[in-house]
Amino acid sequence: MLRSRQLIYAILCALMLGACDDPPTFSSSVPMYPVRINIDTNVGSFIHFIPTAIYSHVIINKDGYFHDGKFIQKPLATDAWGYAGVVVYINMMGGYDAYDLCCPNCVADRQACDVDALFATCPKCGEQYDLGSGTAVPTKGISNEYLRRLNVMNSGGRLTITQRQ
């Protein structure tokens, strides 16, 4: 009787110790490429990219900056835009979210998603990622991964977007 209690106690302790590990980190099939973007919403073409403009977005890629589909400016020499481009999105809470636009399902083709007010859609496989959810979760079940989320720091309307570690 004593041995079985000791065995149960040892198993419970092992399970509790395993629960103390760090949570698993997100592993994406999209390669981690440098991201370094600065957007000042207080000046120039970005003056309308403010938290009250929910579902508004800026796309940054090798061709330049596009605000809600309209070309704004060429990329700067210091810019880095991830694997297939970056979308910076104003969510329904008035905060900024950013994602690498590469579809995880079509990563071999380096396929960038198209973006509208609520979704990023892969033109190759048709998967839609719900940007309005704040997580860029796939909605059609074609892909089993979210879009790669990026860090957004907002300091007085000056946004700095970088890769998550």
Foldseek 3Di string as FASTA:
>chain_A
DVVVVVVVVVVVVVVVVVVPDDDDDDDALADWDKFKDKDFCVDDPNVPVFLVPALWKWKQDQQGIATQRHHGDHDDPPGDATQQIKMWGREPVSDIWMFRQQDSLPNVVSFGFDDHSFWTAGPPPGWTFGVNVVFRHTDPPSDPDGTQTWDWDADPRMIITTHDD
